[in-house]
């Protein structure tokens, strides 16, 4: 009676089981690593997009600042013109009064 052939299949089955378990673990690790890489590349893509948006915002801010400066200059010129018109109206009123006085 030989009982030697029985341990061989068990040993083979246990090796296959360990190998299958290791392959499964490896596959899981590769999937996790792939997900992490994809997440990292997405993060870098989002950071790049955020940087581009920031540059566009900076350009808009600079443009707005320039527009405000120009509007300030225009406002100052309009104030000077208003003062000049007001003085001319006062002079005109004085001249009209003088003309009325002369024509009497």
N, C-alpha and C. Protein backbone atom coordinates (compact mmCIF):
# COMPACT_ATOMS: atom_id res chain seq x y z
N UNK A 1 0.82 -1.17 0.00
CA UNK A 1 0.00 0.00 0.00
C UNK A 1 0.86 1.24 0.00
N UNK A 2 0.76 1.95 -1.08
CA UNK A 2 1.54 3.18 -1.22
C UNK A 2 0.61 4.38 -1.18
N UNK A 3 0.90 5.27 -0.28
CA UNK A 3 0.08 6.47 -0.14
C UNK A 3 0.82 7.69 -0.66
N UNK A 4 1.91 7.51 -1.35
CA UNK A 4 2.75 8.61 -1.82
C UNK A 4 2.10 9.44 -2.91
N UNK A 5 1.30 8.90 -3.82
CA UNK A 5 0.74 9.74 -4.87
C UNK A 5 -0.21 10.82 -4.35
N UNK A 6 -0.80 10.64 -3.19
CA UNK A 6 -1.76 11.63 -2.69
C UNK A 6 -1.11 12.98 -2.36
N UNK A 7 0.05 13.08 -1.69
CA UNK A 7 0.61 14.39 -1.37
C UNK A 7 0.99 15.18 -2.61
N UNK A 8 1.38 14.50 -3.67
CA UNK A 8 1.76 15.22 -4.89
C UNK A 8 0.62 16.06 -5.43
N UNK A 9 -0.59 15.53 -5.63
CA UNK A 9 -1.68 16.38 -6.12
C UNK A 9 -2.00 17.50 -5.15
N UNK A 10 -1.94 17.24 -3.86
CA UNK A 10 -2.21 18.30 -2.89
C UNK A 10 -1.17 19.40 -3.00
N UNK A 11 0.09 19.01 -3.11
CA UNK A 11 1.15 19.99 -3.25
C UNK A 11 0.96 20.80 -4.53
N UNK A 12 0.62 20.15 -5.62
CA UNK A 12 0.38 20.83 -6.89
C UNK A 12 -0.82 21.76 -6.80
N UNK A 13 -1.84 21.29 -6.12
CA UNK A 13 -3.02 22.13 -5.97
C UNK A 13 -2.72 23.33 -5.10
N UNK A 14 -1.95 23.16 -4.06
CA UNK A 14 -1.63 24.28 -3.18
C UNK A 14 -0.73 25.28 -3.90
N UNK A 15 0.18 24.82 -4.75
CA UNK A 15 1.02 25.73 -5.54
C UNK A 15 0.15 26.49 -6.52
N UNK A 16 -0.77 25.79 -7.17
CA UNK A 16 -1.68 26.47 -8.09
C UNK A 16 -2.52 27.50 -7.35
N UNK A 17 -2.98 27.15 -6.17
CA UNK A 17 -3.77 28.08 -5.36
C UNK A 17 -2.96 29.31 -4.97
N UNK A 18 -1.72 29.10 -4.52
CA UNK A 18 -0.84 30.22 -4.16
C UNK A 18 -0.53 31.09 -5.37
N UNK A 19 -0.26 30.42 -6.49
CA UNK A 19 0.03 31.14 -7.72
C UNK A 19 -1.17 31.96 -8.16
N UNK A 20 -2.33 31.35 -8.10
CA UNK A 20 -3.56 32.04 -8.47
C UNK A 20 -3.79 33.24 -7.54
N UNK A 21 -3.54 33.04 -6.25
CA UNK A 21 -3.69 34.13 -5.28
C UNK A 21 -2.70 35.26 -5.57
N UNK A 22 -1.47 34.90 -5.86
CA UNK A 22 -0.45 35.90 -6.17
C UNK A 22 -0.79 36.67 -7.45
N UNK A 23 -1.29 35.96 -8.47
CA UNK A 23 -1.69 36.60 -9.72
C UNK A 23 -2.84 37.57 -9.45
N UNK A 24 -3.78 37.12 -8.63
CA UNK A 24 -4.93 37.96 -8.29
C UNK A 24 -4.46 39.22 -7.54
N UNK A 25 -3.57 39.05 -6.58
CA UNK A 25 -3.03 40.18 -5.82
C UNK A 25 -2.28 41.14 -6.75
N UNK A 26 -1.47 40.55 -7.63
CA UNK A 26 -0.72 41.36 -8.60
C UNK A 26 -1.67 42.15 -9.49
N UNK A 27 -2.71 41.51 -9.98
CA UNK A 27 -3.69 42.17 -10.84
C UNK A 27 -4.36 43.32 -10.09
N UNK A 28 -4.73 43.07 -8.86
CA UNK A 28 -5.35 44.11 -8.04
C UNK A 28 -4.38 45.29 -7.85
N UNK A 29 -3.11 44.97 -7.58
CA UNK A 29 -2.10 46.02 -7.41
C UNK A 29 -1.90 46.82 -8.69
N UNK A 30 -1.88 46.13 -9.83
CA UNK A 30 -1.71 46.81 -11.12
C UNK A 30 -2.91 47.72 -11.39
N UNK A 31 -4.10 47.25 -11.08
CA UNK A 31 -5.31 48.08 -11.27
C UNK A 31 -5.25 49.31 -10.37
N UNK A 32 -4.85 49.11 -9.11
CA UNK A 32 -4.74 50.24 -8.18
C UNK A 32 -3.69 51.24 -8.66
N UNK A 33 -2.56 50.72 -9.13
CA UNK A 33 -1.50 51.59 -9.63
C UNK A 33 -1.97 52.36 -10.86
N UNK A 34 -2.68 51.69 -11.76
CA UNK A 34 -3.21 52.35 -12.97
C UNK A 34 -4.17 53.46 -12.59
N UNK A 35 -5.06 53.17 -11.63
CA UNK A 35 -6.00 54.20 -11.17
C UNK A 35 -5.26 55.40 -10.58
N UNK A 36 -4.22 55.14 -9.80
CA UNK A 36 -3.44 56.21 -9.18
C UNK A 36 -2.72 57.05 -10.25
N UNK A 37 -2.18 56.38 -11.25
CA UNK A 37 -1.50 57.10 -12.34
C UNK A 37 -2.49 57.97 -13.10
N UNK A 38 -3.65 57.40 -13.39
CA UNK A 38 -4.68 58.17 -14.10
C UNK A 38 -5.13 59.37 -13.26
N UNK A 39 -5.28 59.15 -11.96
CA UNK A 39 -5.67 60.24 -11.07
C UNK A 39 -4.57 61.31 -11.05
N UNK A 40 -3.32 60.87 -11.01
CA UNK A 40 -2.19 61.81 -11.03
C UNK A 40 -2.14 62.61 -12.31
N UNK A 41 -2.38 61.94 -13.44
CA UNK A 41 -2.34 62.66 -14.71
C UNK A 41 -3.52 63.62 -14.80
N UNK A 42 -4.64 63.23 -14.23
CA UNK A 42 -5.82 64.12 -14.22
C UNK A 42 -5.54 65.33 -13.33
N UNK A 43 -4.86 65.10 -12.20
CA UNK A 43 -4.51 66.20 -11.30
C UNK A 43 -3.59 67.19 -12.02
N UNK A 44 -2.62 66.65 -12.73
CA UNK A 44 -1.69 67.52 -13.45
C UNK A 44 -2.41 68.28 -14.56
N UNK A 45 -3.37 67.62 -15.20
CA UNK A 45 -4.17 68.28 -16.24
C UNK A 45 -5.00 69.42 -15.62
N UNK A 46 -5.59 69.13 -14.45
CA UNK A 46 -6.39 70.16 -13.77
C UNK A 46 -5.53 71.33 -13.31
N UNK A 47 -4.32 71.03 -12.83
CA UNK A 47 -3.40 72.11 -12.42
C UNK A 47 -3.01 72.97 -13.62
N UNK A 48 -2.77 72.33 -14.75
CA UNK A 48 -2.45 73.08 -15.97
C UNK A 48 -3.60 73.97 -16.39
N UNK A 49 -4.81 73.42 -16.32
CA UNK A 49 -5.99 74.20 -16.68
C UNK A 49 -6.17 75.36 -15.71
N UNK A 50 -5.95 75.13 -14.43
CA UNK A 50 -6.06 76.20 -13.44
C UNK A 50 -5.03 77.29 -13.71
N UNK A 51 -3.82 76.90 -14.09
CA UNK A 51 -2.78 77.88 -14.40
C UNK A 51 -3.17 78.71 -15.62
N UNK A 52 -3.73 78.06 -16.64
CA UNK A 52 -4.17 78.79 -17.83
C UNK A 52 -5.29 79.77 -17.48
N UNK A 53 -6.23 79.32 -16.66
CA UNK A 53 -7.33 80.20 -16.24
C UNK A 53 -6.80 81.39 -15.44
N UNK A 54 -5.80 81.14 -14.61
CA UNK A 54 -5.22 82.21 -13.82
C UNK A 54 -4.55 83.25 -14.72
N UNK A 55 -3.86 82.79 -15.74
CA UNK A 55 -3.21 83.72 -16.68
C UNK A 55 -4.26 84.55 -17.40
N UNK A 56 -5.37 83.89 -17.80
CA UNK A 56 -6.44 84.64 -18.48
C UNK A 56 -7.05 85.67 -17.53
N UNK A 57 -7.23 85.29 -16.26
CA UNK A 57 -7.78 86.23 -15.28
C UNK A 57 -6.82 87.40 -15.07
N UNK A 58 -5.54 87.11 -15.03
CA UNK A 58 -4.55 88.17 -14.85
C UNK A 58 -4.60 89.14 -16.01
N UNK A 59 -4.72 88.62 -17.23
CA UNK A 59 -4.85 89.49 -18.41
C UNK A 59 -6.10 90.35 -18.32
N UNK A 60 -7.20 89.74 -17.87
CA UNK A 60 -8.45 90.50 -17.74
C UNK A 60 -8.31 91.61 -16.69
N UNK A 61 -7.66 91.29 -15.59
CA UNK A 61 -7.47 92.28 -14.53
C UNK A 61 -6.61 93.43 -15.04
N UNK A 62 -5.53 93.11 -15.76
CA UNK A 62 -4.66 94.16 -16.30
C UNK A 62 -5.42 95.02 -17.30
N UNK A 63 -6.24 94.39 -18.12
CA UNK A 63 -7.04 95.13 -19.10
C UNK A 63 -8.04 96.04 -18.39
N UNK A 64 -8.68 95.52 -17.35
CA UNK A 64 -9.64 96.32 -16.58
C UNK A 64 -8.95 97.50 -15.91
N UNK A 65 -7.77 97.25 -15.37
CA UNK A 65 -7.01 98.32 -14.73
C UNK A 65 -6.67 99.42 -15.74
N UNK A 66 -6.26 99.02 -16.93
CA UNK A 66 -5.95 99.98 -17.98
C UNK A 66 -7.19 100.77 -18.38
N UNK A 67 -8.32 100.08 -18.50
CA UNK A 67 -9.58 100.75 -18.85
C UNK A 67 -9.97 101.76 -17.78
N UNK A 68 -9.82 101.39 -16.51
CA UNK A 68 -10.15 102.32 -15.42
C UNK A 68 -9.25 103.55 -15.44
N UNK A 69 -7.98 103.35 -15.74
CA UNK A 69 -7.05 104.48 -15.83
C UNK A 69 -7.49 105.44 -16.95
N UNK A 70 -7.85 104.87 -18.10
CA UNK A 70 -8.30 105.69 -19.23
C UNK A 70 -9.60 106.42 -18.88
N UNK A 71 -10.52 105.73 -18.19
CA UNK A 71 -11.78 106.36 -17.81
C UNK A 71 -11.54 107.51 -16.84
N UNK A 72 -10.56 107.35 -15.97
CA UNK A 72 -10.22 108.41 -15.02
C UNK A 72 -9.71 109.65 -15.76
N UNK A 73 -8.89 109.43 -16.77
CA UNK A 73 -8.37 110.55 -17.57
C UNK A 73 -9.52 111.24 -18.30
N UNK A 74 -10.42 110.46 -18.88
CA UNK A 74 -11.57 111.02 -19.60
C UNK A 74 -12.45 111.83 -18.65
N UNK A 75 -12.66 111.29 -17.43
CA UNK A 75 -13.47 112.00 -16.44
C UNK A 75 -12.85 113.35 -16.09
N UNK A 76 -11.55 113.37 -15.93
CA UNK A 76 -10.86 114.63 -15.63
C UNK A 76 -11.04 115.63 -16.77
N UNK A 77 -10.90 115.18 -18.00
CA UNK A 77 -11.08 116.07 -19.16
C UNK A 77 -12.51 116.59 -19.23
N UNK A 78 -13.48 115.71 -18.96
CA UNK A 78 -14.88 116.15 -18.97
C UNK A 78 -15.14 117.19 -17.88
N UNK A 79 -14.52 117.04 -16.74
CA UNK A 79 -14.68 118.03 -15.67
C UNK A 79 -14.12 119.38 -16.11
N UNK A 80 -12.95 119.37 -16.77
CA UNK A 80 -12.37 120.63 -17.27
C UNK A 80 -13.31 121.28 -18.28
N UNK A 81 -13.88 120.45 -19.17
CA UNK A 81 -14.80 120.99 -20.18
C UNK A 81 -16.06 121.55 -19.53
N UNK A 82 -16.56 120.87 -18.52
CA UNK A 82 -17.74 121.36 -17.82
C UNK A 82 -17.45 122.72 -17.18
N UNK A 83 -16.29 122.84 -16.55
CA UNK A 83 -15.92 124.12 -15.93
C UNK A 83 -15.81 125.22 -16.98
N UNK A 84 -15.21 124.89 -18.12
CA UNK A 84 -15.07 125.89 -19.19
C UNK A 84 -16.44 126.31 -19.71
N UNK A 85 -17.33 125.36 -19.89
CA UNK A 85 -18.69 125.69 -20.36
C UNK A 85 -19.41 126.56 -19.34
N UNK A 86 -19.26 126.21 -18.07
CA UNK A 86 -19.91 126.98 -17.01
C UNK A 86 -19.41 128.43 -17.00
N UNK A 87 -18.11 128.62 -17.17
CA UNK A 87 -17.54 129.97 -17.22
C UNK A 87 -18.08 130.73 -18.43
N UNK A 88 -18.16 130.02 -19.58
CA UNK A 88 -18.69 130.66 -20.79
C UNK A 88 -20.16 131.05 -20.63
N UNK A 89 -20.93 130.22 -19.95
CA UNK A 89 -22.34 130.56 -19.70
C UNK A 89 -22.43 131.80 -18.82
N UNK A 90 -21.59 131.87 -17.81
CA UNK A 90 -21.58 133.05 -16.93
C UNK A 90 -21.19 134.30 -17.71
N UNK A 91 -20.16 134.16 -18.55
CA UNK A 91 -19.73 135.30 -19.38
C UNK A 91 -20.84 135.70 -20.35
N UNK A 92 -21.49 134.70 -20.90
CA UNK A 92 -22.58 134.95 -21.84
C UNK A 92 -23.71 135.71 -21.15
N UNK A 93 -24.04 135.29 -19.95
CA UNK A 93 -25.08 135.98 -19.19
C UNK A 93 -24.69 137.43 -18.93
N UNK A 94 -23.44 137.66 -18.56
CA UNK A 94 -22.94 139.02 -18.33
C UNK A 94 -23.02 139.85 -19.61
N UNK A 95 -22.64 139.24 -20.74
CA UNK A 95 -22.68 139.95 -22.01
C UNK A 95 -24.12 140.29 -22.39
N UNK A 96 -25.03 139.35 -22.15
CA UNK A 96 -26.45 139.62 -22.45
C UNK A 96 -26.97 140.77 -21.60
N UNK A 97 -26.58 140.78 -20.35
CA UNK A 97 -27.00 141.89 -19.48
C UNK A 97 -26.43 143.22 -19.97
N UNK A 98 -25.19 143.20 -20.39
CA UNK A 98 -24.56 144.43 -20.90
C UNK A 98 -25.24 144.89 -22.18
N UNK A 99 -25.57 143.94 -23.08
CA UNK A 99 -26.24 144.28 -24.32
C UNK A 99 -27.62 144.88 -24.06
N UNK A 100 -28.34 144.29 -23.13
CA UNK A 100 -29.66 144.81 -22.77
C UNK A 100 -29.53 146.22 -22.22
N UNK A 101 -28.54 146.45 -21.44
CA UNK A 101 -28.31 147.76 -20.85
C UNK A 101 -27.96 148.79 -21.93
N UNK A 102 -27.16 148.36 -22.92
CA UNK A 102 -26.76 149.26 -23.99
C UNK A 102 -27.92 149.56 -24.95
N UNK A 103 -28.77 148.58 -25.16
CA UNK A 103 -29.86 148.74 -26.10
C UNK A 103 -31.02 149.54 -25.51
N UNK A 104 -31.01 149.83 -24.25
CA UNK A 104 -32.09 150.61 -23.64
C UNK A 104 -31.98 152.05 -23.96
